[in-house]
Amino acid sequence: MNEKKASRSYRIFKLFIEKNRVMVTHALDIFFNGLKTGASDTKKTRLIIQAYVTTGKITKEEEKFIKFYAFDMLKIAGIGIPFVLLPGASIIIPFVIKAAEKRNIDLMPSNFKNKSK
């Protein structure tokens, strides 16, 4: 890409960020909080699985948590795999998520949902 085109793209991106600063900040907060929660959920899941392997039993709450976590991981795979495999999926995925929400289909993993709604 030539210097002039890269400079123009950068200016357009910078302008978008400046115009939508609050929205972008809010979206990034949700994303990073989701990553943080996902990491702690992964650690908790690992501990539950270790406990199951060593003792052979887990509580009903732990079993429910594992099922919920596995379901969330399937949602992430369902969104993430097309993103990697299909050209242009990064543009299409937000529209697919919005269309699914309108039809009461939950595609978003629980860690990345806006908790304030």
C-alpha atoms as a PDB file:
ATOM      1  CA  MET A   1       0.000   0.000   0.000  1.00  0.00           C
ATOM      2  CA  ASN A   2       1.404   3.372  -0.883  1.00  0.00           C
ATOM      3  CA  GLU A   3       2.154   6.068   1.692  1.00  0.00           C
ATOM      4  CA  LYS A   4      -0.666   8.408   0.625  1.00  0.00           C
ATOM      5  CA  LYS A   5      -3.339   5.710   0.778  1.00  0.00           C
ATOM      6  CA  ALA A   6      -2.150   4.479   4.196  1.00  0.00           C
ATOM      7  CA  SER A   7      -2.131   8.039   5.505  1.00  0.00           C
ATOM      8  CA  ARG A   8      -5.695   8.617   4.266  1.00  0.00           C
ATOM      9  CA  SER A   9      -6.909   5.364   5.834  1.00  0.00           C
ATOM     10  CA  TYR A  10      -5.291   6.318   9.119  1.00  0.00           C
ATOM     11  CA  ARG A  11      -6.953   9.753   9.065  1.00  0.00           C
ATOM     12  CA  ILE A  12     -10.366   8.224   8.350  1.00  0.00           C
ATOM     13  CA  PHE A  13      -9.922   5.714  11.179  1.00  0.00           C
ATOM     14  CA  LYS A  14      -8.740   8.433  13.556  1.00  0.00           C
ATOM     15  CA  LEU A  15     -11.723  10.618  12.656  1.00  0.00           C
ATOM     16  CA  PHE A  16     -14.131   7.734  13.282  1.00  0.00           C
ATOM     17  CA  ILE A  17     -12.584   7.080  16.704  1.00  0.00           C
ATOM     18  CA  GLU A  18     -12.737  10.762  17.638  1.00  0.00           C
ATOM     19  CA  LYS A  19     -16.401  11.076  16.581  1.00  0.00           C
ATOM     20  CA  ASN A  20     -17.415   7.896  18.390  1.00  0.00           C
ATOM     21  CA  ARG A  21     -15.098   8.063  21.385  1.00  0.00           C
ATOM     22  CA  VAL A  22     -17.751   7.210  23.992  1.00  0.00           C
ATOM     23  CA  MET A  23     -19.163   4.324  21.971  1.00  0.00           C
ATOM     24  CA  VAL A  24     -15.694   2.932  21.195  1.00  0.00           C
ATOM     25  CA  THR A  25     -14.592   3.250  24.827  1.00  0.00           C
ATOM     26  CA  HIS A  26     -17.741   1.491  26.007  1.00  0.00           C
ATOM     27  CA  ALA A  27     -17.293  -1.325  23.471  1.00  0.00           C
ATOM     28  CA  LEU A  28     -13.643  -1.782  24.474  1.00  0.00           C
ATOM     29  CA  ASP A  29     -14.617  -1.852  28.162  1.00  0.00           C
ATOM     30  CA  ILE A  30     -17.129  -4.621  27.476  1.00  0.00           C
ATOM     31  CA  PHE A  31     -14.579  -6.532  25.406  1.00  0.00           C
ATOM     32  CA  PHE A  32     -11.767  -6.354  27.975  1.00  0.00           C
ATOM     33  CA  ASN A  33     -14.095  -7.121  30.887  1.00  0.00           C
ATOM     34  CA  GLY A  34     -15.321 -10.117  28.891  1.00  0.00           C
ATOM     35  CA  LEU A  35     -11.751 -11.306  28.368  1.00  0.00           C
ATOM     36  CA  LYS A  36     -11.019 -10.881  32.072  1.00  0.00           C
ATOM     37  CA  THR A  37     -14.160 -12.771  33.096  1.00  0.00           C
ATOM     38  CA  GLY A  38     -13.448 -15.440  30.498  1.00  0.00           C
ATOM     39  CA  ALA A  39      -9.974 -15.960  31.912  1.00  0.00           C
ATOM     40  CA  SER A  40     -11.303 -16.368  35.441  1.00  0.00           C
ATOM     41  CA  ASP A  41     -14.024 -18.746  34.174  1.00  0.00           C
ATOM     42  CA  THR A  42     -11.364 -20.808  32.408  1.00  0.00           C
ATOM     43  CA  LYS A  43      -9.342 -21.024  35.605  1.00  0.00           C
ATOM     44  CA  LYS A  44     -12.426 -22.021  37.606  1.00  0.00           C
ATOM     45  CA  THR A  45     -13.289 -24.660  34.996  1.00  0.00           C
ATOM     46  CA  ARG A  46      -9.768 -26.059  35.131  1.00  0.00           C
ATOM     47  CA  LEU A  47      -9.980 -26.370  38.926  1.00  0.00           C
ATOM     48  CA  ILE A  48     -13.362 -28.114  38.722  1.00  0.00           C
ATOM     49  CA  ILE A  49     -12.050 -30.577  36.131  1.00  0.00           C
ATOM     50  CA  GLN A  50      -8.966 -31.250  38.264  1.00  0.00           C
ATOM     51  CA  ALA A  51     -11.199 -31.891  41.257  1.00  0.00           C
ATOM     52  CA  TYR A  52     -13.340 -34.262  39.204  1.00  0.00           C
ATOM     53  CA  VAL A  53     -10.321 -36.162  37.925  1.00  0.00           C
ATOM     54  CA  THR A  54      -8.842 -36.574  41.415  1.00  0.00           C
ATOM     55  CA  THR A  55     -12.019 -37.223  43.438  1.00  0.00           C
ATOM     56  CA  GLY A  56     -14.418 -38.519  40.794  1.00  0.00           C
ATOM     57  CA  LYS A  57     -17.265 -36.214  41.846  1.00  0.00           C
ATOM     58  CA  ILE A  58     -18.353 -32.583  41.636  1.00  0.00           C
ATOM     59  CA  THR A  59     -21.300 -30.650  43.047  1.00  0.00           C
ATOM     60  CA  LYS A  60     -24.452 -29.847  41.080  1.00  0.00           C
ATOM     61  CA  GLU A  61     -23.412 -26.171  40.949  1.00  0.00           C
ATOM     62  CA  GLU A  62     -20.028 -27.097  39.524  1.00  0.00           C
ATOM     63  CA  GLU A  63     -21.664 -29.376  36.963  1.00  0.00           C
ATOM     64  CA  LYS A  64     -24.040 -26.571  35.963  1.00  0.00           C
ATOM     65  CA  PHE A  65     -21.093 -24.159  35.662  1.00  0.00           C
ATOM     66  CA  ILE A  66     -19.170 -26.603  33.430  1.00  0.00           C
ATOM     67  CA  LYS A  67     -22.196 -27.048  31.147  1.00  0.00           C
ATOM     68  CA  PHE A  68     -22.710 -23.285  30.913  1.00  0.00           C
ATOM     69  CA  TYR A  69     -19.011 -22.748  30.196  1.00  0.00           C
ATOM     70  CA  ALA A  70     -18.962 -25.442  27.495  1.00  0.00           C
ATOM     71  CA  PHE A  71     -22.018 -23.858  25.875  1.00  0.00           C
ATOM     72  CA  ASP A  72     -20.268 -20.475  25.877  1.00  0.00           C
ATOM     73  CA  MET A  73     -17.180 -22.024  24.263  1.00  0.00           C
ATOM     74  CA  LEU A  74     -19.370 -23.469  21.503  1.00  0.00           C
ATOM     75  CA  LYS A  75     -20.816 -19.992  20.913  1.00  0.00           C
ATOM     76  CA  ILE A  76     -17.311 -18.551  20.618  1.00  0.00           C
ATOM     77  CA  ALA A  77     -16.365 -21.290  18.160  1.00  0.00           C
ATOM     78  CA  GLY A  78     -19.541 -20.657  16.185  1.00  0.00           C
ATOM     79  CA  ILE A  79     -18.690 -16.992  15.810  1.00  0.00           C
ATOM     80  CA  GLY A  80     -14.909 -17.365  15.585  1.00  0.00           C
ATOM     81  CA  ILE A  81     -14.550 -20.111  12.999  1.00  0.00           C
ATOM     82  CA  PRO A  82     -16.383 -18.247  10.199  1.00  0.00           C
ATOM     83  CA  PHE A  83     -14.357 -15.155  11.106  1.00  0.00           C
ATOM     84  CA  VAL A  84     -11.164 -17.053  10.335  1.00  0.00           C
ATOM     85  CA  LEU A  85     -12.330 -19.118   7.378  1.00  0.00           C
ATOM     86  CA  LEU A  86     -14.592 -16.826   5.368  1.00  0.00           C
ATOM     87  CA  PRO A  87     -13.277 -13.766   3.565  1.00  0.00           C
ATOM     88  CA  GLY A  88     -15.147 -10.686   4.726  1.00  0.00           C
ATOM     89  CA  ALA A  89     -16.647 -12.411   7.766  1.00  0.00           C
ATOM     90  CA  SER A  90     -15.325  -9.684  10.041  1.00  0.00           C
ATOM     91  CA  ILE A  91     -17.740  -7.334   8.297  1.00  0.00           C
ATOM     92  CA  ILE A  92     -20.672  -9.774   8.267  1.00  0.00           C
ATOM     93  CA  ILE A  93     -20.493 -11.095  11.852  1.00  0.00           C
ATOM     94  CA  PRO A  94     -21.966  -7.985  13.570  1.00  0.00           C
ATOM     95  CA  PHE A  95     -24.935  -8.117  11.195  1.00  0.00           C
ATOM     96  CA  VAL A  96     -25.433 -11.831  11.855  1.00  0.00           C
ATOM     97  CA  ILE A  97     -25.388 -11.213  15.613  1.00  0.00           C
ATOM     98  CA  LYS A  98     -27.954  -8.388  15.310  1.00  0.00           C
ATOM     99  CA  ALA A  99     -30.184 -10.510  13.053  1.00  0.00           C
ATOM    100  CA  ALA A 100     -29.991 -13.385  15.549  1.00  0.00           C
ATOM    101  CA  GLU A 101     -30.918 -11.056  18.428  1.00  0.00           C
ATOM    102  CA  LYS A 102     -34.029  -9.922  16.527  1.00  0.00           C
ATOM    103  CA  ARG A 103     -35.072 -13.569  16.292  1.00  0.00           C
ATOM    104  CA  ASN A 104     -34.288 -14.242  19.968  1.00  0.00           C
ATOM    105  CA  ILE A 105     -31.260 -16.387  19.133  1.00  0.00           C
ATOM    106  CA  ASP A 106     -28.406 -15.850  21.561  1.00  0.00           C
ATOM    107  CA  LEU A 107     -25.049 -16.001  19.754  1.00  0.00           C
ATOM    108  CA  MET A 108     -23.005 -13.858  22.134  1.00  0.00           C
ATOM    109  CA  PRO A 109     -21.024 -15.610  24.861  1.00  0.00           C
ATOM    110  CA  SER A 110     -22.158 -14.492  28.305  1.00  0.00           C
ATOM    111  CA  ASN A 111     -18.799 -12.860  29.097  1.00  0.00           C
ATOM    112  CA  PHE A 112     -19.167 -10.382  26.232  1.00  0.00           C
ATOM    113  CA  LYS A 113     -22.726  -9.267  26.899  1.00  0.00           C
ATOM    114  CA  ASN A 114     -23.404  -5.780  28.161  1.00  0.00           C
ATOM    115  CA  LYS A 115     -24.261  -6.361  31.837  1.00  0.00           C
ATOM    116  CA  SER A 116     -25.876  -2.912  32.208  1.00  0.00           C
ATOM    117  CA  LYS A 117     -28.855  -3.779  29.985  1.00  0.00           C
END
